[in-house]
Amino acid sequence: MTFRALADATRRAVVQALGRGPASVGDLAKPFDMALPSFLQHLKMLEESGLVETRKVGRVRTCTLKPEALAAAESWLDAQRSLWTRRLDQLDSLVLDLDKREDGTP
């Protein structure tokens, strides 16, 4: 769900903005050329993914980034990076061995 939420540029921009600290829905929506209901759909997706938490005090709804959801995604990406790095290192060794065999060096 985290990657689905981050697949959209608007939602990524909201997460980036919330990286600077909590913000009201109105402040977050200002840079985007869309109606507020459309923006709220993006915010709903971020809340459902666990990336953003909102609290309403009076008439102001404030959004906060929940970094633990990003940490889980980062952990998955690190595991994938490690797997592919290991595979590419093995491929590199194989290519070097094949080059040596072609050159006739042991």
PDB file of N, CA and C in Angstrom:
ATOM      1  N   MET A   1       0.824  -1.200   0.000  1.00  0.00           N
ATOM      2  CA  MET A   1       0.000   0.000   0.000  1.00  0.00           C
ATOM      3  C   MET A   1       0.866   1.261   0.000  1.00  0.00           C
ATOM      4  N   THR A   2       2.028   1.194   0.646  1.00  0.00           N
ATOM      5  CA  THR A   2       2.929   2.351   0.696  1.00  0.00           C
ATOM      6  C   THR A   2       3.381   2.741  -0.705  1.00  0.00           C
ATOM      7  N   PHE A   3       3.793   1.736  -1.494  1.00  0.00           N
ATOM      8  CA  PHE A   3       4.290   2.049  -2.840  1.00  0.00           C
ATOM      9  C   PHE A   3       3.153   2.523  -3.738  1.00  0.00           C
ATOM     10  N   ARG A   4       1.960   1.992  -3.548  1.00  0.00           N
ATOM     11  CA  ARG A   4       0.808   2.465  -4.327  1.00  0.00           C
ATOM     12  C   ARG A   4       0.540   3.935  -4.007  1.00  0.00           C
ATOM     13  N   ALA A   5       0.627   4.286  -2.745  1.00  0.00           N
ATOM     14  CA  ALA A   5       0.410   5.676  -2.344  1.00  0.00           C
ATOM     15  C   ALA A   5       1.490   6.587  -2.918  1.00  0.00           C
ATOM     16  N   LEU A   6       2.720   6.093  -2.955  1.00  0.00           N
ATOM     17  CA  LEU A   6       3.828   6.927  -3.433  1.00  0.00           C
ATOM     18  C   LEU A   6       3.953   6.930  -4.956  1.00  0.00           C
ATOM     19  N   ALA A   7       3.105   6.164  -5.650  1.00  0.00           N
ATOM     20  CA  ALA A   7       3.173   6.097  -7.106  1.00  0.00           C
ATOM     21  C   ALA A   7       2.704   7.391  -7.772  1.00  0.00           C
ATOM     22  N   ASP A   8       2.005   8.218  -7.042  1.00  0.00           N
ATOM     23  CA  ASP A   8       1.446   9.451  -7.605  1.00  0.00           C
ATOM     24  C   ASP A   8       2.319  10.652  -7.221  1.00  0.00           C
ATOM     25  N   ALA A   9       2.592  11.528  -8.179  1.00  0.00           N
ATOM     26  CA  ALA A   9       3.455  12.690  -7.948  1.00  0.00           C
ATOM     27  C   ALA A   9       2.873  13.653  -6.910  1.00  0.00           C
ATOM     28  N   THR A  10       1.560  13.819  -6.910  1.00  0.00           N
ATOM     29  CA  THR A  10       0.942  14.719  -5.924  1.00  0.00           C
ATOM     30  C   THR A  10       1.161  14.180  -4.519  1.00  0.00           C
ATOM     31  N   ARG A  11       0.955  12.909  -4.337  1.00  0.00           N
ATOM     32  CA  ARG A  11       1.121  12.314  -3.001  1.00  0.00           C
ATOM     33  C   ARG A  11       2.586  12.350  -2.566  1.00  0.00           C
ATOM     34  N   ARG A  12       3.500  12.126  -3.514  1.00  0.00           N
ATOM     35  CA  ARG A  12       4.925  12.220  -3.159  1.00  0.00           C
ATOM     36  C   ARG A  12       5.262  13.642  -2.735  1.00  0.00           C
ATOM     37  N   ALA A  13       4.701  14.627  -3.411  1.00  0.00           N
ATOM     38  CA  ALA A  13       4.957  16.029  -3.056  1.00  0.00           C
ATOM     39  C   ALA A  13       4.402  16.344  -1.662  1.00  0.00           C
ATOM     40  N   VAL A  14       3.245  15.768  -1.329  1.00  0.00           N
ATOM     41  CA  VAL A  14       2.676  15.980   0.011  1.00  0.00           C
ATOM     42  C   VAL A  14       3.589  15.354   1.070  1.00  0.00           C
ATOM     43  N   VAL A  15       4.058  14.150   0.816  1.00  0.00           N
ATOM     44  CA  VAL A  15       4.969  13.493   1.772  1.00  0.00           C
ATOM     45  C   VAL A  15       6.233  14.330   1.930  1.00  0.00           C
ATOM     46  N   GLN A  16       6.747  14.843   0.810  1.00  0.00           N
ATOM     47  CA  GLN A  16       7.951  15.670   0.871  1.00  0.00           C
ATOM     48  C   GLN A  16       7.686  16.936   1.689  1.00  0.00           C
ATOM     49  N   ALA A  17       6.546  17.558   1.474  1.00  0.00           N
ATOM     50  CA  ALA A  17       6.208  18.777   2.235  1.00  0.00           C
ATOM     51  C   ALA A  17       6.075  18.465   3.718  1.00  0.00           C
ATOM     52  N   LEU A  18       5.483  17.329   4.048  1.00  0.00           N
ATOM     53  CA  LEU A  18       5.311  16.971   5.455  1.00  0.00           C
ATOM     54  C   LEU A  18       6.634  16.570   6.094  1.00  0.00           C
ATOM     55  N   GLY A  19       7.636  16.288   5.289  1.00  0.00           N
ATOM     56  CA  GLY A  19       8.971  16.030   5.821  1.00  0.00           C
ATOM     57  C   GLY A  19       9.556  17.253   6.520  1.00  0.00           C
ATOM     58  N   ARG A  20       9.044  18.408   6.176  1.00  0.00           N
ATOM     59  CA  ARG A  20       9.493  19.652   6.825  1.00  0.00           C
ATOM     60  C   ARG A  20       8.735  19.932   8.112  1.00  0.00           C
ATOM     61  N   GLY A  21       7.676  19.159   8.346  1.00  0.00           N
ATOM     62  CA  GLY A  21       6.892  19.327   9.568  1.00  0.00           C
ATOM     63  C   GLY A  21       5.408  19.286   9.283  1.00  0.00           C
ATOM     64  N   PRO A  22       4.590  19.203  10.336  1.00  0.00           N
ATOM     65  CA  PRO A  22       3.134  19.152  10.160  1.00  0.00           C
ATOM     66  C   PRO A  22       2.617  20.384   9.416  1.00  0.00           C
ATOM     67  N   ALA A  23       1.498  20.200   8.712  1.00  0.00           N
ATOM     68  CA  ALA A  23       0.904  21.306   7.955  1.00  0.00           C
ATOM     69  C   ALA A  23      -0.600  21.095   7.870  1.00  0.00           C
ATOM     70  N   SER A  24      -1.302  22.194   7.691  1.00  0.00           N
ATOM     71  CA  SER A  24      -2.758  22.099   7.546  1.00  0.00           C
ATOM     72  C   SER A  24      -3.094  21.598   6.140  1.00  0.00           C
ATOM     73  N   VAL A  25      -4.285  21.044   6.010  1.00  0.00           N
ATOM     74  CA  VAL A  25      -4.734  20.561   4.699  1.00  0.00           C
ATOM     75  C   VAL A  25      -4.746  21.712   3.696  1.00  0.00           C
ATOM     76  N   GLY A  26      -5.198  22.873   4.132  1.00  0.00           N
ATOM     77  CA  GLY A  26      -5.249  24.037   3.245  1.00  0.00           C
ATOM     78  C   GLY A  26      -3.872  24.426   2.733  1.00  0.00           C
ATOM     79  N   ASP A  27      -2.883  24.438   3.627  1.00  0.00           N
ATOM     80  CA  ASP A  27      -1.523  24.783   3.213  1.00  0.00           C
ATOM     81  C   ASP A  27      -0.949  23.738   2.260  1.00  0.00           C
ATOM     82  N   LEU A  28      -1.252  22.465   2.545  1.00  0.00           N
ATOM     83  CA  LEU A  28      -0.733  21.406   1.674  1.00  0.00           C
ATOM     84  C   LEU A  28      -1.361  21.454   0.293  1.00  0.00           C
ATOM     85  N   ALA A  29      -2.633  21.842   0.225  1.00  0.00           N
ATOM     86  CA  ALA A  29      -3.359  21.839  -1.051  1.00  0.00           C
ATOM     87  C   ALA A  29      -3.007  23.033  -1.942  1.00  0.00           C
ATOM     88  N   LYS A  30      -2.499  24.124  -1.350  1.00  0.00           N
ATOM     89  CA  LYS A  30      -2.260  25.357  -2.116  1.00  0.00           C
ATOM     90  C   LYS A  30      -1.432  25.174  -3.385  1.00  0.00           C
ATOM     91  N   PRO A  31      -0.319  24.449  -3.367  1.00  0.00           N
ATOM     92  CA  PRO A  31       0.511  24.377  -4.585  1.00  0.00           C
ATOM     93  C   PRO A  31      -0.111  23.596  -5.735  1.00  0.00           C
ATOM     94  N   PHE A  32      -1.205  22.884  -5.482  1.00  0.00           N
ATOM     95  CA  PHE A  32      -1.756  22.003  -6.517  1.00  0.00           C
ATOM     96  C   PHE A  32      -2.962  22.641  -7.201  1.00  0.00           C
ATOM     97  N   ASP A  33      -2.991  22.502  -8.502  1.00  0.00           N
ATOM     98  CA  ASP A  33      -4.085  23.055  -9.296  1.00  0.00           C
ATOM     99  C   ASP A  33      -5.194  22.007  -9.412  1.00  0.00           C
ATOM    100  N   MET A  34      -5.885  21.793  -8.306  1.00  0.00           N
ATOM    101  CA  MET A  34      -7.002  20.837  -8.294  1.00  0.00           C
ATOM    102  C   MET A  34      -8.000  21.262  -7.234  1.00  0.00           C
ATOM    103  N   ALA A  35      -9.206  20.774  -7.385  1.00  0.00           N
ATOM    104  CA  ALA A  35     -10.261  21.088  -6.418  1.00  0.00           C
ATOM    105  C   ALA A  35      -9.941  20.403  -5.090  1.00  0.00           C
ATOM    106  N   LEU A  36     -10.401  20.996  -4.011  1.00  0.00           N
ATOM    107  CA  LEU A  36     -10.116  20.440  -2.678  1.00  0.00           C
ATOM    108  C   LEU A  36     -10.610  19.000  -2.534  1.00  0.00           C
ATOM    109  N   PRO A  37     -11.808  18.649  -3.040  1.00  0.00           N
ATOM    110  CA  PRO A  37     -12.214  17.240  -2.916  1.00  0.00           C
ATOM    111  C   PRO A  37     -11.243  16.268  -3.592  1.00  0.00           C
ATOM    112  N   SER A  38     -10.680  16.678  -4.715  1.00  0.00           N
ATOM    113  CA  SER A  38      -9.689  15.818  -5.387  1.00  0.00           C
ATOM    114  C   SER A  38      -8.433  15.690  -4.531  1.00  0.00           C
ATOM    115  N   PHE A  39      -8.010  16.808  -3.947  1.00  0.00           N
ATOM    116  CA  PHE A  39      -6.827  16.764  -3.082  1.00  0.00           C
ATOM    117  C   PHE A  39      -7.089  15.873  -1.869  1.00  0.00           C
ATOM    118  N   LEU A  40      -8.298  15.962  -1.330  1.00  0.00           N
ATOM    119  CA  LEU A  40      -8.632  15.138  -0.160  1.00  0.00           C
ATOM    120  C   LEU A  40      -8.603  13.648  -0.487  1.00  0.00           C
ATOM    121  N   GLN A  41      -8.882  13.284  -1.740  1.00  0.00           N
ATOM    122  CA  GLN A  41      -8.770  11.875  -2.135  1.00  0.00           C
ATOM    123  C   GLN A  41      -7.312  11.413  -2.050  1.00  0.00           C
ATOM    124  N   HIS A  42      -6.393  12.282  -2.453  1.00  0.00           N
ATOM    125  CA  HIS A  42      -4.967  11.953  -2.324  1.00  0.00           C
ATOM    126  C   HIS A  42      -4.592  11.808  -0.846  1.00  0.00           C
ATOM    127  N   LEU A  43      -5.096  12.718  -0.044  1.00  0.00           N
ATOM    128  CA  LEU A  43      -4.797  12.669   1.393  1.00  0.00           C
ATOM    129  C   LEU A  43      -5.367  11.400   2.033  1.00  0.00           C
ATOM    130  N   LYS A  44      -6.552  11.010   1.583  1.00  0.00           N
ATOM    131  CA  LYS A  44      -7.169   9.785   2.097  1.00  0.00           C
ATOM    132  C   LYS A  44      -6.295   8.568   1.786  1.00  0.00           C
ATOM    133  N   MET A  45      -5.760   8.511   0.582  1.00  0.00           N
ATOM    134  CA  MET A  45      -4.872   7.403   0.194  1.00  0.00           C
ATOM    135  C   MET A  45      -3.617   7.382   1.071  1.00  0.00           C
ATOM    136  N   LEU A  46      -3.085   8.559   1.355  1.00  0.00           N
ATOM    137  CA  LEU A  46      -1.893   8.625   2.214  1.00  0.00           C
ATOM    138  C   LEU A  46      -2.223   8.178   3.639  1.00  0.00           C
ATOM    139  N   GLU A  47      -3.401   8.519   4.110  1.00  0.00           N
ATOM    140  CA  GLU A  47      -3.805   8.084   5.455  1.00  0.00           C
ATOM    141  C   GLU A  47      -4.011   6.565   5.482  1.00  0.00           C
ATOM    142  N   GLU A  48      -4.672   6.027   4.479  1.00  0.00           N
ATOM    143  CA  GLU A  48      -4.933   4.588   4.435  1.00  0.00           C
ATOM    144  C   GLU A  48      -3.652   3.769   4.321  1.00  0.00           C
ATOM    145  N   SER A  49      -2.643   4.362   3.705  1.00  0.00           N
ATOM    146  CA  SER A  49      -1.367   3.654   3.575  1.00  0.00           C
ATOM    147  C   SER A  49      -0.535   3.743   4.849  1.00  0.00           C
ATOM    148  N   GLY A  50      -0.965   4.589   5.771  1.00  0.00           N
ATOM    149  CA  GLY A  50      -0.230   4.744   7.023  1.00  0.00           C
ATOM    150  C   GLY A  50       0.905   5.748   6.955  1.00  0.00           C
ATOM    151  N   LEU A  51       1.001   6.462   5.839  1.00  0.00           N
ATOM    152  CA  LEU A  51       2.081   7.437   5.694  1.00  0.00           C
ATOM    153  C   LEU A  51       1.776   8.759   6.383  1.00  0.00           C
ATOM    154  N   VAL A  52       0.502   9.081   6.490  1.00  0.00           N
ATOM    155  CA  VAL A  52       0.094  10.384   7.019  1.00  0.00           C
ATOM    156  C   VAL A  52      -1.000  10.188   8.058  1.00  0.00           C
ATOM    157  N   GLU A  53      -0.932  11.015   9.062  1.00  0.00           N
ATOM    158  CA  GLU A  53      -1.954  11.026  10.116  1.00  0.00           C
ATOM    159  C   GLU A  53      -2.549  12.436  10.149  1.00  0.00           C
ATOM    160  N   THR A  54      -3.867  12.526  10.317  1.00  0.00           N
ATOM    161  CA  THR A  54      -4.474  13.854  10.403  1.00  0.00           C
ATOM    162  C   THR A  54      -5.243  13.988  11.716  1.00  0.00           C
ATOM    163  N   ARG A  55      -5.248  15.199  12.207  1.00  0.00           N
ATOM    164  CA  ARG A  55      -6.003  15.518  13.424  1.00  0.00           C
ATOM    165  C   ARG A  55      -6.724  16.834  13.197  1.00  0.00           C
ATOM    166  N   LYS A  56      -7.959  16.853  13.652  1.00  0.00           N
ATOM    167  CA  LYS A  56      -8.749  18.064  13.474  1.00  0.00           C
ATOM    168  C   LYS A  56      -8.910  18.754  14.821  1.00  0.00           C
ATOM    169  N   VAL A  57      -8.512  20.008  14.859  1.00  0.00           N
ATOM    170  CA  VAL A  57      -8.689  20.840  16.049  1.00  0.00           C
ATOM    171  C   VAL A  57      -9.477  22.061  15.600  1.00  0.00           C
ATOM    172  N   GLY A  58     -10.688  22.178  16.075  1.00  0.00           N
ATOM    173  CA  GLY A  58     -11.553  23.265  15.622  1.00  0.00           C
ATOM    174  C   GLY A  58     -11.878  23.065  14.156  1.00  0.00           C
ATOM    175  N   ARG A  59     -11.579  24.067  13.362  1.00  0.00           N
ATOM    176  CA  ARG A  59     -11.852  23.977  11.922  1.00  0.00           C
ATOM    177  C   ARG A  59     -10.616  23.604  11.111  1.00  0.00           C
ATOM    178  N   VAL A  60      -9.500  23.442  11.809  1.00  0.00           N
ATOM    179  CA  VAL A  60      -8.243  23.176  11.095  1.00  0.00           C
ATOM    180  C   VAL A  60      -7.869  21.694  11.218  1.00  0.00           C
ATOM    181  N   ARG A  61      -7.643  21.091  10.073  1.00  0.00           N
ATOM    182  CA  ARG A  61      -7.190  19.703  10.025  1.00  0.00           C
ATOM    183  C   ARG A  61      -5.696  19.716   9.702  1.00  0.00           C
ATOM    184  N   THR A  62      -4.907  19.154  10.624  1.00  0.00           N
ATOM    185  CA  THR A  62      -3.456  19.180  10.477  1.00  0.00           C
ATOM    186  C   THR A  62      -2.943  17.785  10.135  1.00  0.00           C
ATOM    187  N   CYS A  63      -2.020  17.732   9.199  1.00  0.00           N
ATOM    188  CA  CYS A  63      -1.439  16.465   8.742  1.00  0.00           C
ATOM    189  C   CYS A  63      -0.019  16.329   9.274  1.00  0.00           C
ATOM    190  N   THR A  64       0.320  15.098   9.620  1.00  0.00           N
ATOM    191  CA  THR A  64       1.657  14.787  10.115  1.00  0.00           C
ATOM    192  C   THR A  64       2.171  13.548   9.394  1.00  0.00           C
ATOM    193  N   LEU A  65       3.422  13.561   9.036  1.00  0.00           N
ATOM    194  CA  LEU A  65       4.049  12.403   8.394  1.00  0.00           C
ATOM    195  C   LEU A  65       4.323  11.336   9.444  1.00  0.00           C
ATOM    196  N   LYS A  66       4.069  10.080   9.094  1.00  0.00           N
ATOM    197  CA  LYS A  66       4.385   8.957   9.982  1.00  0.00           C
ATOM    198  C   LYS A  66       5.585   8.223   9.374  1.00  0.00           C
ATOM    199  N   PRO A  67       6.783   8.567   9.829  1.00  0.00           N
ATOM    200  CA  PRO A  67       7.995   8.038   9.191  1.00  0.00           C
ATOM    201  C   PRO A  67       8.158   6.533   9.300  1.00  0.00           C
ATOM    202  N   GLU A  68       7.491   5.889  10.246  1.00  0.00           N
ATOM    203  CA  GLU A  68       7.653   4.435  10.377  1.00  0.00           C
ATOM    204  C   GLU A  68       7.167   3.696   9.124  1.00  0.00           C
ATOM    205  N   ALA A  69       6.164   4.236   8.429  1.00  0.00           N
ATOM    206  CA  ALA A  69       5.709   3.612   7.181  1.00  0.00           C
ATOM    207  C   ALA A  69       6.784   3.729   6.110  1.00  0.00           C
ATOM    208  N   LEU A  70       7.482   4.845   6.077  1.00  0.00           N
ATOM    209  CA  LEU A  70       8.575   5.007   5.124  1.00  0.00           C
ATOM    210  C   LEU A  70       9.739   4.096   5.484  1.00  0.00           C
ATOM    211  N   ALA A  71       9.970   3.886   6.783  1.00  0.00           N
ATOM    212  CA  ALA A  71      11.066   3.017   7.214  1.00  0.00           C
ATOM    213  C   ALA A  71      10.838   1.580   6.737  1.00  0.00           C
ATOM    214  N   ALA A  72       9.594   1.124   6.755  1.00  0.00           N
ATOM    215  CA  ALA A  72       9.299  -0.224   6.277  1.00  0.00           C
ATOM    216  C   ALA A  72       9.587  -0.335   4.778  1.00  0.00           C
ATOM    217  N   ALA A  73       9.211   0.683   4.019  1.00  0.00           N
ATOM    218  CA  ALA A  73       9.493   0.682   2.580  1.00  0.00           C
ATOM    219  C   ALA A  73      10.996   0.741   2.337  1.00  0.00           C
ATOM    220  N   GLU A  74      11.696   1.560   3.103  1.00  0.00           N
ATOM    221  CA  GLU A  74      13.146   1.674   2.964  1.00  0.00           C
ATOM    222  C   GLU A  74      13.825   0.336   3.269  1.00  0.00           C
ATOM    223  N   SER A  75      13.341  -0.361   4.278  1.00  0.00           N
ATOM    224  CA  SER A  75      13.896  -1.666   4.629  1.00  0.00           C
ATOM    225  C   SER A  75      13.721  -2.656   3.475  1.00  0.00           C
ATOM    226  N   TRP A  76      12.547  -2.658   2.861  1.00  0.00           N
ATOM    227  CA  TRP A  76      12.304  -3.557   1.722  1.00  0.00           C
ATOM    228  C   TRP A  76      13.232  -3.203   0.564  1.00  0.00           C
ATOM    229  N   LEU A  77      13.372  -1.901   0.283  1.00  0.00           N
ATOM    230  CA  LEU A  77      14.248  -1.472  -0.801  1.00  0.00           C
ATOM    231  C   LEU A  77      15.694  -1.858  -0.526  1.00  0.00           C
ATOM    232  N   ASP A  78      16.137  -1.712   0.716  1.00  0.00           N
ATOM    233  CA  ASP A  78      17.511  -2.100   1.076  1.00  0.00           C
ATOM    234  C   ASP A  78      17.735  -3.586   0.828  1.00  0.00           C
ATOM    235  N   ALA A  79      16.752  -4.419   1.186  1.00  0.00           N
ATOM    236  CA  ALA A  79      16.879  -5.859   0.963  1.00  0.00           C
ATOM    237  C   ALA A  79      16.970  -6.165  -0.533  1.00  0.00           C
ATOM    238  N   GLN A  80      16.154  -5.483  -1.346  1.00  0.00           N
ATOM    239  CA  GLN A  80      16.208  -5.684  -2.793  1.00  0.00           C
ATOM    240  C   GLN A  80      17.539  -5.216  -3.362  1.00  0.00           C
ATOM    241  N   ARG A  81      18.032  -4.067  -2.889  1.00  0.00           N
ATOM    242  CA  ARG A  81      19.313  -3.536  -3.357  1.00  0.00           C
ATOM    243  C   ARG A  81      20.441  -4.514  -3.030  1.00  0.00           C
ATOM    244  N   SER A  82      20.413  -5.075  -1.833  1.00  0.00           N
ATOM    245  CA  SER A  82      21.432  -6.029  -1.420  1.00  0.00           C
ATOM    246  C   SER A  82      21.396  -7.282  -2.301  1.00  0.00           C
ATOM    247  N   LEU A  83      20.206  -7.793  -2.561  1.00  0.00           N
ATOM    248  CA  LEU A  83      20.048  -8.976  -3.415  1.00  0.00           C
ATOM    249  C   LEU A  83      20.625  -8.727  -4.803  1.00  0.00           C
ATOM    250  N   TRP A  84      20.262  -7.597  -5.407  1.00  0.00           N
ATOM    251  CA  TRP A  84      20.718  -7.315  -6.768  1.00  0.00           C
ATOM    252  C   TRP A  84      22.189  -6.961  -6.822  1.00  0.00           C
ATOM    253  N   THR A  85      22.704  -6.343  -5.796  1.00  0.00           N
ATOM    254  CA  THR A  85      24.143  -6.071  -5.744  1.00  0.00           C
ATOM    255  C   THR A  85      24.922  -7.384  -5.718  1.00  0.00           C
ATOM    256  N   ARG A  86      24.463  -8.330  -4.896  1.00  0.00           N
ATOM    257  CA  ARG A  86      25.111  -9.641  -4.816  1.00  0.00           C
ATOM    258  C   ARG A  86      25.048 -10.349  -6.174  1.00  0.00           C
ATOM    259  N   ARG A  87      23.898 -10.320  -6.828  1.00  0.00           N
ATOM    260  CA  ARG A  87      23.760 -10.966  -8.137  1.00  0.00           C
ATOM    261  C   ARG A  87      24.654 -10.310  -9.189  1.00  0.00           C
ATOM    262  N   LEU A  88      24.723  -8.993  -9.187  1.00  0.00           N
ATOM    263  CA  LEU A  88      25.578  -8.298 -10.155  1.00  0.00           C
ATOM    264  C   LEU A  88      27.051  -8.562  -9.892  1.00  0.00           C
ATOM    265  N   ASP A  89      27.434  -8.688  -8.616  1.00  0.00           N
ATOM    266  CA  ASP A  89      28.819  -9.047  -8.285  1.00  0.00           C
ATOM    267  C   ASP A  89      29.148 -10.435  -8.821  1.00  0.00           C
ATOM    268  N   GLN A  90      28.203 -11.374  -8.691  1.00  0.00           N
ATOM    269  CA  GLN A  90      28.414 -12.725  -9.226  1.00  0.00           C
ATOM    270  C   GLN A  90      28.543 -12.695 -10.742  1.00  0.00           C
ATOM    271  N   LEU A  91      27.706 -11.904 -11.401  1.00  0.00           N
ATOM    272  CA  LEU A  91      27.785 -11.777 -12.851  1.00  0.00           C
ATOM    273  C   LEU A  91      29.121 -11.165 -13.258  1.00  0.00           C
ATOM    274  N   ASP A  92      29.578 -10.161 -12.532  1.00  0.00           N
ATOM    275  CA  ASP A  92      30.861  -9.521 -12.809  1.00  0.00           C
ATOM    276  C   ASP A  92      32.000 -10.531 -12.687  1.00  0.00           C
ATOM    277  N   SER A  93      31.962 -11.363 -11.659  1.00  0.00           N
ATOM    278  CA  SER A  93      32.994 -12.392 -11.489  1.00  0.00           C
ATOM    279  C   SER A  93      32.972 -13.381 -12.643  1.00  0.00           C
ATOM    280  N   LEU A  94      31.783 -13.777 -13.061  1.00  0.00           N
ATOM    281  CA  LEU A  94      31.659 -14.711 -14.180  1.00  0.00           C
ATOM    282  C   LEU A  94      32.238 -14.107 -15.458  1.00  0.00           C
ATOM    283  N   VAL A  95      31.925 -12.863 -15.734  1.00  0.00           N
ATOM    284  CA  VAL A  95      32.433 -12.200 -16.936  1.00  0.00           C
ATOM    285  C   VAL A  95      33.958 -12.101 -16.883  1.00  0.00           C
ATOM    286  N   LEU A  96      34.506 -11.766 -15.732  1.00  0.00           N
ATOM    287  CA  LEU A  96      35.972 -11.680 -15.596  1.00  0.00           C
ATOM    288  C   LEU A  96      36.617 -13.042 -15.822  1.00  0.00           C
ATOM    289  N   ASP A  97      36.009 -14.109 -15.276  1.00  0.00           N
ATOM    290  CA  ASP A  97      36.532 -15.462 -15.482  1.00  0.00           C
ATOM    291  C   ASP A  97      36.490 -15.846 -16.958  1.00  0.00           C
ATOM    292  N   LEU A  98      35.396 -15.522 -17.642  1.00  0.00           N
ATOM    293  CA  LEU A  98      35.275 -15.836 -19.069  1.00  0.00           C
ATOM    294  C   LEU A  98      36.307 -15.069 -19.884  1.00  0.00           C
ATOM    295  N   ASP A  99      36.562 -13.804 -19.511  1.00  0.00           N
ATOM    296  CA  ASP A  99      37.587 -13.002 -20.201  1.00  0.00           C
ATOM    297  C   ASP A  99      38.959 -13.640 -20.035  1.00  0.00           C
ATOM    298  N   LYS A 100      39.250 -14.096 -18.800  1.00  0.00           N
ATOM    299  CA  LYS A 100      40.553 -14.721 -18.546  1.00  0.00           C
ATOM    300  C   LYS A 100      40.701 -15.992 -19.368  1.00  0.00           C
ATOM    301  N   ARG A 101      39.629 -16.784 -19.467  1.00  0.00           N
ATOM    302  CA  ARG A 101      39.684 -18.031 -20.245  1.00  0.00           C
ATOM    303  C   ARG A 101      39.920 -17.737 -21.726  1.00  0.00           C
ATOM    304  N   GLU A 102      39.284 -16.687 -22.245  1.00  0.00           N
ATOM    305  CA  GLU A 102      39.483 -16.323 -23.647  1.00  0.00           C
ATOM    306  C   GLU A 102      40.918 -15.883 -23.914  1.00  0.00           C
ATOM    307  N   ASP A 103      41.497 -15.198 -22.919  1.00  0.00           N
ATOM    308  CA  ASP A 103      42.889 -14.735 -23.051  1.00  0.00           C
ATOM    309  C   ASP A 103      43.880 -15.882 -22.863  1.00  0.00           C
ATOM    310  N   GLY A 104      43.414 -16.994 -22.324  1.00  0.00           N
ATOM    311  CA  GLY A 104      44.286 -18.127 -22.070  1.00  0.00           C
ATOM    312  C   GLY A 104      45.031 -18.036 -20.757  1.00  0.00           C
ATOM    313  N   THR A 105      44.690 -17.052 -19.954  1.00  0.00           N
ATOM    314  CA  THR A 105      45.330 -16.943 -18.638  1.00  0.00           C
ATOM    315  C   THR A 105      44.541 -17.791 -17.643  1.00  0.00           C
ATOM    316  N   PRO A 106      45.213 -18.478 -16.774  1.00  0.00           N
ATOM    317  CA  PRO A 106      44.513 -19.340 -15.793  1.00  0.00           C
ATOM    318  C   PRO A 106      43.777 -18.582 -14.733  1.00  0.00           C
TER     319      PRO A 106
END
